[in-house]
mmCIF file of all heavy atoms, coordinates in Angstrom:
data_MODEL
# 
_entry.id   MODEL 
# 
loop_
_atom_site.group_PDB 
_atom_site.id 
_atom_site.type_symbol 
_atom_site.label_atom_id 
_atom_site.label_alt_id 
_atom_site.label_comp_id 
_atom_site.label_asym_id 
_atom_site.label_entity_id 
_atom_site.label_seq_id 
_atom_site.pdbx_PDB_ins_code 
_atom_site.Cartn_x 
_atom_site.Cartn_y 
_atom_site.Cartn_z 
_atom_site.occupancy 
_atom_site.B_iso_or_equiv 
_atom_site.pdbx_formal_charge 
_atom_site.auth_seq_id 
_atom_site.auth_comp_id 
_atom_site.auth_asym_id 
_atom_site.auth_atom_id 
_atom_site.pdbx_PDB_model_num 
ATOM 1   N N   . ASP A 1 1  ? -4.844 96.209 -32.248 1.00 0.00 ? 1  ASP A N   1 
ATOM 2   C CA  . ASP A 1 1  ? -5.059 96.572 -30.771 1.00 0.00 ? 1  ASP A CA  1 
ATOM 3   C C   . ASP A 1 1  ? -5.301 95.323 -29.937 1.00 0.00 ? 1  ASP A C   1 
ATOM 4   O O   . ASP A 1 1  ? -6.024 95.405 -28.938 1.00 0.00 ? 1  ASP A O   1 
ATOM 5   C CB  . ASP A 1 1  ? -6.226 97.560 -30.677 1.00 0.00 ? 1  ASP A CB  1 
ATOM 6   C CG  . ASP A 1 1  ? -5.973 98.863 -31.401 1.00 0.00 ? 1  ASP A CG  1 
ATOM 7   O OD1 . ASP A 1 1  ? -4.759 99.279 -31.380 1.00 0.00 ? 1  ASP A OD1 1 
ATOM 8   O OD2 . ASP A 1 1  ? -6.902 99.487 -31.891 1.00 0.00 ? 1  ASP A OD2 1 
ATOM 9   N N   . TRP A 1 2  ? -4.666 94.244 -30.246 1.00 0.00 ? 2  TRP A N   1 
ATOM 10  C CA  . TRP A 1 2  ? -4.807 93.012 -29.412 1.00 0.00 ? 2  TRP A CA  1 
ATOM 11  C C   . TRP A 1 2  ? -3.780 93.054 -28.292 1.00 0.00 ? 2  TRP A C   1 
ATOM 12  O O   . TRP A 1 2  ? -2.727 93.707 -28.363 1.00 0.00 ? 2  TRP A O   1 
ATOM 13  C CB  . TRP A 1 2  ? -4.630 91.775 -30.276 1.00 0.00 ? 2  TRP A CB  1 
ATOM 14  C CG  . TRP A 1 2  ? -5.895 91.351 -30.981 1.00 0.00 ? 2  TRP A CG  1 
ATOM 15  C CD1 . TRP A 1 2  ? -6.725 92.149 -31.721 1.00 0.00 ? 2  TRP A CD1 1 
ATOM 16  C CD2 . TRP A 1 2  ? -6.481 90.043 -31.011 1.00 0.00 ? 2  TRP A CD2 1 
ATOM 17  N NE1 . TRP A 1 2  ? -7.743 91.426 -32.252 1.00 0.00 ? 2  TRP A NE1 1 
ATOM 18  C CE2 . TRP A 1 2  ? -7.616 90.077 -31.858 1.00 0.00 ? 2  TRP A CE2 1 
ATOM 19  C CE3 . TRP A 1 2  ? -6.062 88.809 -30.493 1.00 0.00 ? 2  TRP A CE3 1 
ATOM 20  C CZ2 . TRP A 1 2  ? -8.410 88.991 -32.122 1.00 0.00 ? 2  TRP A CZ2 1 
ATOM 21  C CZ3 . TRP A 1 2  ? -6.843 87.683 -30.800 1.00 0.00 ? 2  TRP A CZ3 1 
ATOM 22  C CH2 . TRP A 1 2  ? -8.018 87.826 -31.557 1.00 0.00 ? 2  TRP A CH2 1 
ATOM 23  N N   . SER A 1 3  ? -4.009 92.223 -27.293 1.00 0.00 ? 3  SER A N   1 
ATOM 24  C CA  . SER A 1 3  ? -3.080 91.965 -26.211 1.00 0.00 ? 3  SER A CA  1 
ATOM 25  C C   . SER A 1 3  ? -2.619 90.531 -26.357 1.00 0.00 ? 3  SER A C   1 
ATOM 26  O O   . SER A 1 3  ? -3.371 89.667 -26.780 1.00 0.00 ? 3  SER A O   1 
ATOM 27  C CB  . SER A 1 3  ? -3.698 92.203 -24.856 1.00 0.00 ? 3  SER A CB  1 
ATOM 28  O OG  . SER A 1 3  ? -4.130 93.547 -24.629 1.00 0.00 ? 3  SER A OG  1 
ATOM 29  N N   . MET A 1 4  ? -1.385 90.231 -25.927 1.00 0.00 ? 4  MET A N   1 
ATOM 30  C CA  . MET A 1 4  ? -0.855 88.876 -26.020 1.00 0.00 ? 4  MET A CA  1 
ATOM 31  C C   . MET A 1 4  ? -0.122 88.525 -24.741 1.00 0.00 ? 4  MET A C   1 
ATOM 32  O O   . MET A 1 4  ? 0.661  89.276 -24.207 1.00 0.00 ? 4  MET A O   1 
ATOM 33  C CB  . MET A 1 4  ? 0.097  88.702 -27.179 1.00 0.00 ? 4  MET A CB  1 
ATOM 34  C CG  . MET A 1 4  ? 0.676  87.258 -27.305 1.00 0.00 ? 4  MET A CG  1 
ATOM 35  S SD  . MET A 1 4  ? 1.517  86.966 -28.847 1.00 0.00 ? 4  MET A SD  1 
ATOM 36  C CE  . MET A 1 4  ? 2.994  88.020 -28.684 1.00 0.00 ? 4  MET A CE  1 
ATOM 37  N N   . PHE A 1 5  ? -0.466 87.341 -24.222 1.00 0.00 ? 5  PHE A N   1 
ATOM 38  C CA  . PHE A 1 5  ? 0.140  86.802 -23.003 1.00 0.00 ? 5  PHE A CA  1 
ATOM 39  C C   . PHE A 1 5  ? 0.597  85.423 -23.280 1.00 0.00 ? 5  PHE A C   1 
ATOM 40  O O   . PHE A 1 5  ? -0.209 84.554 -23.595 1.00 0.00 ? 5  PHE A O   1 
ATOM 41  C CB  . PHE A 1 5  ? -0.939 86.822 -21.847 1.00 0.00 ? 5  PHE A CB  1 
ATOM 42  C CG  . PHE A 1 5  ? -1.494 88.188 -21.567 1.00 0.00 ? 5  PHE A CG  1 
ATOM 43  C CD1 . PHE A 1 5  ? -2.509 88.735 -22.270 1.00 0.00 ? 5  PHE A CD1 1 
ATOM 44  C CD2 . PHE A 1 5  ? -0.877 88.966 -20.515 1.00 0.00 ? 5  PHE A CD2 1 
ATOM 45  C CE1 . PHE A 1 5  ? -3.012 89.978 -22.049 1.00 0.00 ? 5  PHE A CE1 1 
ATOM 46  C CE2 . PHE A 1 5  ? -1.430 90.198 -20.227 1.00 0.00 ? 5  PHE A CE2 1 
ATOM 47  C CZ  . PHE A 1 5  ? -2.471 90.752 -21.008 1.00 0.00 ? 5  PHE A CZ  1 
ATOM 48  N N   . LEU A 1 6  ? 1.866  85.151 -23.094 1.00 0.00 ? 6  LEU A N   1 
ATOM 49  C CA  . LEU A 1 6  ? 2.361  83.756 -23.318 1.00 0.00 ? 6  LEU A CA  1 
ATOM 50  C C   . LEU A 1 6  ? 3.307  83.370 -22.235 1.00 0.00 ? 6  LEU A C   1 
ATOM 51  O O   . LEU A 1 6  ? 4.129  84.121 -21.739 1.00 0.00 ? 6  LEU A O   1 
ATOM 52  C CB  . LEU A 1 6  ? 2.929  83.573 -24.713 1.00 0.00 ? 6  LEU A CB  1 
ATOM 53  C CG  . LEU A 1 6  ? 4.005  84.546 -25.228 1.00 0.00 ? 6  LEU A CG  1 
ATOM 54  C CD1 . LEU A 1 6  ? 5.340  83.937 -24.869 1.00 0.00 ? 6  LEU A CD1 1 
ATOM 55  C CD2 . LEU A 1 6  ? 3.913  84.637 -26.729 1.00 0.00 ? 6  LEU A CD2 1 
ATOM 56  N N   . ILE A 1 7  ? 3.194  82.058 -21.819 1.00 0.00 ? 7  ILE A N   1 
ATOM 57  C CA  . ILE A 1 7  ? 4.143  81.508 -20.819 1.00 0.00 ? 7  ILE A CA  1 
ATOM 58  C C   . ILE A 1 7  ? 5.047  80.544 -21.583 1.00 0.00 ? 7  ILE A C   1 
ATOM 59  O O   . ILE A 1 7  ? 4.635  79.724 -22.362 1.00 0.00 ? 7  ILE A O   1 
ATOM 60  C CB  . ILE A 1 7  ? 3.364  80.771 -19.709 1.00 0.00 ? 7  ILE A CB  1 
ATOM 61  C CG1 . ILE A 1 7  ? 4.388  80.190 -18.745 1.00 0.00 ? 7  ILE A CG1 1 
ATOM 62  C CG2 . ILE A 1 7  ? 2.376  79.752 -20.213 1.00 0.00 ? 7  ILE A CG2 1 
ATOM 63  C CD1 . ILE A 1 7  ? 3.745  79.625 -17.422 1.00 0.00 ? 7  ILE A CD1 1 
ATOM 64  N N   . THR A 1 8  ? 6.333  80.732 -21.343 1.00 0.00 ? 8  THR A N   1 
ATOM 65  C CA  . THR A 1 8  ? 7.341  79.888 -22.084 1.00 0.00 ? 8  THR A CA  1 
ATOM 66  C C   . THR A 1 8  ? 8.636  79.920 -21.238 1.00 0.00 ? 8  THR A C   1 
ATOM 67  O O   . THR A 1 8  ? 8.950  80.895 -20.520 1.00 0.00 ? 8  THR A O   1 
ATOM 68  C CB  . THR A 1 8  ? 7.595  80.389 -23.499 1.00 0.00 ? 8  THR A CB  1 
ATOM 69  O OG1 . THR A 1 8  ? 8.610  79.577 -24.071 1.00 0.00 ? 8  THR A OG1 1 
ATOM 70  C CG2 . THR A 1 8  ? 8.053  81.880 -23.535 1.00 0.00 ? 8  THR A CG2 1 
ATOM 71  N N   . SER A 1 9  ? 9.380  78.910 -21.372 1.00 0.00 ? 9  SER A N   1 
ATOM 72  C CA  . SER A 1 9  ? 10.724 78.860 -20.757 1.00 0.00 ? 9  SER A CA  1 
ATOM 73  C C   . SER A 1 9  ? 11.810 79.243 -21.795 1.00 0.00 ? 9  SER A C   1 
ATOM 74  O O   . SER A 1 9  ? 13.004 79.242 -21.480 1.00 0.00 ? 9  SER A O   1 
ATOM 75  C CB  . SER A 1 9  ? 11.078 77.490 -20.181 1.00 0.00 ? 9  SER A CB  1 
ATOM 76  O OG  . SER A 1 9  ? 11.169 76.526 -21.224 1.00 0.00 ? 9  SER A OG  1 
ATOM 77  N N   . TYR A 1 10 ? 11.419 79.528 -23.008 1.00 0.00 ? 10 TYR A N   1 
ATOM 78  C CA  . TYR A 1 10 ? 12.343 79.850 -24.067 1.00 0.00 ? 10 TYR A CA  1 
ATOM 79  C C   . TYR A 1 10 ? 12.904 81.253 -23.833 1.00 0.00 ? 10 TYR A C   1 
ATOM 80  O O   . TYR A 1 10 ? 12.233 82.243 -23.840 1.00 0.00 ? 10 TYR A O   1 
ATOM 81  C CB  . TYR A 1 10 ? 11.637 79.880 -25.419 1.00 0.00 ? 10 TYR A CB  1 
ATOM 82  C CG  . TYR A 1 10 ? 12.544 80.093 -26.588 1.00 0.00 ? 10 TYR A CG  1 
ATOM 83  C CD1 . TYR A 1 10 ? 13.798 79.460 -26.706 1.00 0.00 ? 10 TYR A CD1 1 
ATOM 84  C CD2 . TYR A 1 10 ? 12.094 80.917 -27.673 1.00 0.00 ? 10 TYR A CD2 1 
ATOM 85  C CE1 . TYR A 1 10 ? 14.616 79.708 -27.834 1.00 0.00 ? 10 TYR A CE1 1 
ATOM 86  C CE2 . TYR A 1 10 ? 12.917 81.176 -28.770 1.00 0.00 ? 10 TYR A CE2 1 
ATOM 87  C CZ  . TYR A 1 10 ? 14.157 80.541 -28.848 1.00 0.00 ? 10 TYR A CZ  1 
ATOM 88  O OH  . TYR A 1 10 ? 14.955 80.760 -29.902 1.00 0.00 ? 10 TYR A OH  1 
ATOM 89  N N   . GLU A 1 11 ? 14.207 81.304 -23.549 1.00 0.00 ? 11 GLU A N   1 
ATOM 90  C CA  . GLU A 1 11 ? 14.885 82.576 -23.120 1.00 0.00 ? 11 GLU A CA  1 
ATOM 91  C C   . GLU A 1 11 ? 14.888 83.674 -24.219 1.00 0.00 ? 11 GLU A C   1 
ATOM 92  O O   . GLU A 1 11 ? 14.919 84.830 -23.913 1.00 0.00 ? 11 GLU A O   1 
ATOM 93  C CB  . GLU A 1 11 ? 16.288 82.268 -22.679 1.00 0.00 ? 11 GLU A CB  1 
ATOM 94  C CG  . GLU A 1 11 ? 16.415 81.293 -21.530 1.00 0.00 ? 11 GLU A CG  1 
ATOM 95  C CD  . GLU A 1 11 ? 16.264 81.926 -20.182 1.00 0.00 ? 11 GLU A CD  1 
ATOM 96  O OE1 . GLU A 1 11 ? 16.158 83.158 -20.128 1.00 0.00 ? 11 GLU A OE1 1 
ATOM 97  O OE2 . GLU A 1 11 ? 16.249 81.221 -19.125 1.00 0.00 ? 11 GLU A OE2 1 
ATOM 98  N N   . ASP A 1 12 ? 14.837 83.252 -25.468 1.00 0.00 ? 12 ASP A N   1 
ATOM 99  C CA  . ASP A 1 12 ? 14.912 84.220 -26.578 1.00 0.00 ? 12 ASP A CA  1 
ATOM 100 C C   . ASP A 1 12 ? 13.547 84.568 -27.158 1.00 0.00 ? 12 ASP A C   1 
ATOM 101 O O   . ASP A 1 12 ? 13.461 85.101 -28.290 1.00 0.00 ? 12 ASP A O   1 
ATOM 102 C CB  . ASP A 1 12 ? 15.818 83.646 -27.690 1.00 0.00 ? 12 ASP A CB  1 
ATOM 103 C CG  . ASP A 1 12 ? 17.283 83.569 -27.267 1.00 0.00 ? 12 ASP A CG  1 
ATOM 104 O OD1 . ASP A 1 12 ? 17.729 84.405 -26.448 1.00 0.00 ? 12 ASP A OD1 1 
ATOM 105 O OD2 . ASP A 1 12 ? 18.022 82.698 -27.789 1.00 0.00 ? 12 ASP A OD2 1 
ATOM 106 N N   . ALA A 1 13 ? 12.523 84.324 -26.408 1.00 0.00 ? 13 ALA A N   1 
ATOM 107 C CA  . ALA A 1 13 ? 11.164 84.553 -26.956 1.00 0.00 ? 13 ALA A CA  1 
ATOM 108 C C   . ALA A 1 13 ? 10.969 85.989 -27.412 1.00 0.00 ? 13 ALA A C   1 
ATOM 109 O O   . ALA A 1 13 ? 10.526 86.250 -28.517 1.00 0.00 ? 13 ALA A O   1 
ATOM 110 C CB  . ALA A 1 13 ? 10.137 84.250 -25.849 1.00 0.00 ? 13 ALA A CB  1 
ATOM 111 N N   . GLU A 1 14 ? 11.355 86.986 -26.564 1.00 0.00 ? 14 GLU A N   1 
ATOM 112 C CA  . GLU A 1 14 ? 11.158 88.393 -26.957 1.00 0.00 ? 14 GLU A CA  1 
ATOM 113 C C   . GLU A 1 14 ? 11.975 88.753 -28.207 1.00 0.00 ? 14 GLU A C   1 
ATOM 114 O O   . GLU A 1 14 ? 11.510 89.484 -29.054 1.00 0.00 ? 14 GLU A O   1 
ATOM 115 C CB  . GLU A 1 14 ? 11.543 89.277 -25.784 1.00 0.00 ? 14 GLU A CB  1 
ATOM 116 C CG  . GLU A 1 14 ? 10.604 89.301 -24.596 1.00 0.00 ? 14 GLU A CG  1 
ATOM 117 C CD  . GLU A 1 14 ? 11.122 90.057 -23.456 1.00 0.00 ? 14 GLU A CD  1 
ATOM 118 O OE1 . GLU A 1 14 ? 12.226 89.734 -22.923 1.00 0.00 ? 14 GLU A OE1 1 
ATOM 119 O OE2 . GLU A 1 14 ? 10.483 91.037 -23.009 1.00 0.00 ? 14 GLU A OE2 1 
ATOM 120 N N   . LYS A 1 15 ? 13.193 88.185 -28.264 1.00 0.00 ? 15 LYS A N   1 
ATOM 121 C CA  . LYS A 1 15 ? 14.088 88.519 -29.395 1.00 0.00 ? 15 LYS A CA  1 
ATOM 122 C C   . LYS A 1 15 ? 13.416 88.181 -30.705 1.00 0.00 ? 15 LYS A C   1 
ATOM 123 O O   . LYS A 1 15 ? 13.463 88.967 -31.699 1.00 0.00 ? 15 LYS A O   1 
ATOM 124 C CB  . LYS A 1 15 ? 15.412 87.766 -29.223 1.00 0.00 ? 15 LYS A CB  1 
ATOM 125 C CG  . LYS A 1 15 ? 16.352 87.833 -30.405 1.00 0.00 ? 15 LYS A CG  1 
ATOM 126 C CD  . LYS A 1 15 ? 17.591 87.033 -30.145 1.00 0.00 ? 15 LYS A CD  1 
ATOM 127 C CE  . LYS A 1 15 ? 18.507 86.950 -31.339 1.00 0.00 ? 15 LYS A CE  1 
ATOM 128 N NZ  . LYS A 1 15 ? 19.677 86.079 -31.123 1.00 0.00 ? 15 LYS A NZ  1 
ATOM 129 N N   . TYR A 1 16 ? 12.838 86.994 -30.798 1.00 0.00 ? 16 TYR A N   1 
ATOM 130 C CA  . TYR A 1 16 ? 12.266 86.538 -32.043 1.00 0.00 ? 16 TYR A CA  1 
ATOM 131 C C   . TYR A 1 16 ? 10.838 86.998 -32.289 1.00 0.00 ? 16 TYR A C   1 
ATOM 132 O O   . TYR A 1 16 ? 10.381 87.148 -33.413 1.00 0.00 ? 16 TYR A O   1 
ATOM 133 C CB  . TYR A 1 16 ? 12.364 85.030 -32.171 1.00 0.00 ? 16 TYR A CB  1 
ATOM 134 C CG  . TYR A 1 16 ? 13.830 84.571 -32.343 1.00 0.00 ? 16 TYR A CG  1 
ATOM 135 C CD1 . TYR A 1 16 ? 14.484 83.920 -31.322 1.00 0.00 ? 16 TYR A CD1 1 
ATOM 136 C CD2 . TYR A 1 16 ? 14.502 84.848 -33.502 1.00 0.00 ? 16 TYR A CD2 1 
ATOM 137 C CE1 . TYR A 1 16 ? 15.811 83.593 -31.425 1.00 0.00 ? 16 TYR A CE1 1 
ATOM 138 C CE2 . TYR A 1 16 ? 15.838 84.475 -33.667 1.00 0.00 ? 16 TYR A CE2 1 
ATOM 139 C CZ  . TYR A 1 16 ? 16.515 83.871 -32.589 1.00 0.00 ? 16 TYR A CZ  1 
ATOM 140 O OH  . TYR A 1 16 ? 17.835 83.533 -32.717 1.00 0.00 ? 16 TYR A OH  1 
ATOM 141 N N   . ILE A 1 17 ? 10.155 87.275 -31.210 1.00 0.00 ? 17 ILE A N   1 
ATOM 142 C CA  . ILE A 1 17 ? 8.823  87.929 -31.335 1.00 0.00 ? 17 ILE A CA  1 
ATOM 143 C C   . ILE A 1 17 ? 8.999  89.314 -31.968 1.00 0.00 ? 17 ILE A C   1 
ATOM 144 O O   . ILE A 1 17 ? 8.172  89.845 -32.667 1.00 0.00 ? 17 ILE A O   1 
ATOM 145 C CB  . ILE A 1 17 ? 8.072  88.015 -29.987 1.00 0.00 ? 17 ILE A CB  1 
ATOM 146 C CG1 . ILE A 1 17 ? 7.545  86.584 -29.630 1.00 0.00 ? 17 ILE A CG1 1 
ATOM 147 C CG2 . ILE A 1 17 ? 6.929  88.963 -30.026 1.00 0.00 ? 17 ILE A CG2 1 
ATOM 148 C CD1 . ILE A 1 17 ? 7.052  86.485 -28.224 1.00 0.00 ? 17 ILE A CD1 1 
ATOM 149 N N   . GLY A 1 18 ? 10.152 89.960 -31.648 1.00 0.00 ? 18 GLY A N   1 
ATOM 150 C CA  . GLY A 1 18 ? 10.497 91.233 -32.250 1.00 0.00 ? 18 GLY A CA  1 
ATOM 151 C C   . GLY A 1 18 ? 10.080 92.418 -31.425 1.00 0.00 ? 18 GLY A C   1 
ATOM 152 O O   . GLY A 1 18 ? 10.078 93.556 -31.934 1.00 0.00 ? 18 GLY A O   1 
ATOM 153 N N   . ARG A 1 19 ? 9.752  92.192 -30.178 1.00 0.00 ? 19 ARG A N   1 
ATOM 154 C CA  . ARG A 1 19 ? 9.373  93.329 -29.310 1.00 0.00 ? 19 ARG A CA  1 
ATOM 155 C C   . ARG A 1 19 ? 9.477  92.896 -27.862 1.00 0.00 ? 19 ARG A C   1 
ATOM 156 O O   . ARG A 1 19 ? 9.137  91.740 -27.504 1.00 0.00 ? 19 ARG A O   1 
ATOM 157 C CB  . ARG A 1 19 ? 7.870  93.678 -29.594 1.00 0.00 ? 19 ARG A CB  1 
ATOM 158 C CG  . ARG A 1 19 ? 7.307  94.788 -28.709 1.00 0.00 ? 19 ARG A CG  1 
ATOM 159 C CD  . ARG A 1 19 ? 5.854  95.069 -28.990 1.00 0.00 ? 19 ARG A CD  1 
ATOM 160 N NE  . ARG A 1 19 ? 5.147  95.483 -27.829 1.00 0.00 ? 19 ARG A NE  1 
ATOM 161 C CZ  . ARG A 1 19 ? 3.833  95.633 -27.731 1.00 0.00 ? 19 ARG A CZ  1 
ATOM 162 N NH1 . ARG A 1 19 ? 3.122  95.345 -28.774 1.00 0.00 ? 19 ARG A NH1 1 
ATOM 163 N NH2 . ARG A 1 19 ? 3.271  95.985 -26.595 1.00 0.00 ? 19 ARG A NH2 1 
ATOM 164 N N   . ARG A 1 20 ? 10.001 93.774 -27.028 1.00 0.00 ? 20 ARG A N   1 
ATOM 165 C CA  . ARG A 1 20 ? 10.074 93.517 -25.614 1.00 0.00 ? 20 ARG A CA  1 
ATOM 166 C C   . ARG A 1 20 ? 8.670  93.513 -25.031 1.00 0.00 ? 20 ARG A C   1 
ATOM 167 O O   . ARG A 1 20 ? 7.814  94.323 -25.384 1.00 0.00 ? 20 ARG A O   1 
ATOM 168 C CB  . ARG A 1 20 ? 10.944 94.526 -24.865 1.00 0.00 ? 20 ARG A CB  1 
ATOM 169 C CG  . ARG A 1 20 ? 12.425 94.345 -25.134 1.00 0.00 ? 20 ARG A CG  1 
ATOM 170 C CD  . ARG A 1 20 ? 13.265 95.230 -24.241 1.00 0.00 ? 20 ARG A CD  1 
ATOM 171 N NE  . ARG A 1 20 ? 13.135 94.810 -22.854 1.00 0.00 ? 20 ARG A NE  1 
ATOM 172 C CZ  . ARG A 1 20 ? 13.881 93.860 -22.320 1.00 0.00 ? 20 ARG A CZ  1 
ATOM 173 N NH1 . ARG A 1 20 ? 14.721 93.149 -23.043 1.00 0.00 ? 20 ARG A NH1 1 
ATOM 174 N NH2 . ARG A 1 20 ? 13.706 93.542 -21.010 1.00 0.00 ? 20 ARG A NH2 1 
ATOM 175 N N   . ALA A 1 21 ? 8.422  92.577 -24.088 1.00 0.00 ? 21 ALA A N   1 
ATOM 176 C CA  . ALA A 1 21 ? 7.105  92.570 -23.439 1.00 0.00 ? 21 ALA A CA  1 
ATOM 177 C C   . ALA A 1 21 ? 6.955  93.790 -22.523 1.00 0.00 ? 21 ALA A C   1 
ATOM 178 O O   . ALA A 1 21 ? 7.917  94.325 -22.000 1.00 0.00 ? 21 ALA A O   1 
ATOM 179 C CB  . ALA A 1 21 ? 6.988  91.266 -22.591 1.00 0.00 ? 21 ALA A CB  1 
ATOM 180 N N   . ASP A 1 22 ? 5.695  94.225 -22.344 1.00 0.00 ? 22 ASP A N   1 
ATOM 181 C CA  . ASP A 1 22 ? 5.439  95.326 -21.487 1.00 0.00 ? 22 ASP A CA  1 
ATOM 182 C C   . ASP A 1 22 ? 5.644  94.918 -20.027 1.00 0.00 ? 22 ASP A C   1 
ATOM 183 O O   . ASP A 1 22 ? 6.109  95.735 -19.197 1.00 0.00 ? 22 ASP A O   1 
ATOM 184 C CB  . ASP A 1 22 ? 3.969  95.850 -21.669 1.00 0.00 ? 22 ASP A CB  1 
ATOM 185 C CG  . ASP A 1 22 ? 3.776  96.363 -23.077 1.00 0.00 ? 22 ASP A CG  1 
ATOM 186 O OD1 . ASP A 1 22 ? 4.455  97.305 -23.457 1.00 0.00 ? 22 ASP A OD1 1 
ATOM 187 O OD2 . ASP A 1 22 ? 2.878  95.840 -23.815 1.00 0.00 ? 22 ASP A OD2 1 
ATOM 188 N N   . LYS A 1 23 ? 5.345  93.641 -19.714 1.00 0.00 ? 23 LYS A N   1 
ATOM 189 C CA  . LYS A 1 23 ? 5.606  93.128 -18.450 1.00 0.00 ? 23 LYS A CA  1 
ATOM 190 C C   . LYS A 1 23 ? 6.110  91.692 -18.574 1.00 0.00 ? 23 LYS A C   1 
ATOM 191 O O   . LYS A 1 23 ? 5.777  91.035 -19.565 1.00 0.00 ? 23 LYS A O   1 
ATOM 192 C CB  . LYS A 1 23 ? 4.295  93.073 -17.538 1.00 0.00 ? 23 LYS A CB  1 
ATOM 193 C CG  . LYS A 1 23 ? 3.774  94.422 -17.165 1.00 0.00 ? 23 LYS A CG  1 
ATOM 194 C CD  . LYS A 1 23 ? 2.512  94.233 -16.270 1.00 0.00 ? 23 LYS A CD  1 
ATOM 195 C CE  . LYS A 1 23 ? 1.972  95.566 -15.850 1.00 0.00 ? 23 LYS A CE  1 
ATOM 196 N NZ  . LYS A 1 23 ? 0.722  95.402 -15.084 1.00 0.00 ? 23 LYS A NZ  1 
ATOM 197 N N   . ASN A 1 24 ? 6.900  91.252 -17.649 1.00 0.00 ? 24 ASN A N   1 
ATOM 198 C CA  . ASN A 1 24 ? 7.466  89.911 -17.698 1.00 0.00 ? 24 ASN A CA  1 
ATOM 199 C C   . ASN A 1 24 ? 7.574  89.380 -16.272 1.00 0.00 ? 24 ASN A C   1 
ATOM 200 O O   . ASN A 1 24 ? 8.273  89.972 -15.410 1.00 0.00 ? 24 ASN A O   1 
ATOM 201 C CB  . ASN A 1 24 ? 8.865  89.990 -18.355 1.00 0.00 ? 24 ASN A CB  1 
ATOM 202 C CG  . ASN A 1 24 ? 9.567  88.652 -18.382 1.00 0.00 ? 24 ASN A CG  1 
ATOM 203 O OD1 . ASN A 1 24 ? 8.934  87.590 -18.110 1.00 0.00 ? 24 ASN A OD1 1 
ATOM 204 N ND2 . ASN A 1 24 ? 10.843 88.605 -18.712 1.00 0.00 ? 24 ASN A ND2 1 
# 
């Protein structure tokens, strides 16, 4: 039940994290 917030310029971040962000 954690939340995660990350700032990055890496375009494929969501792809490799394995889940689309709730907000971007």
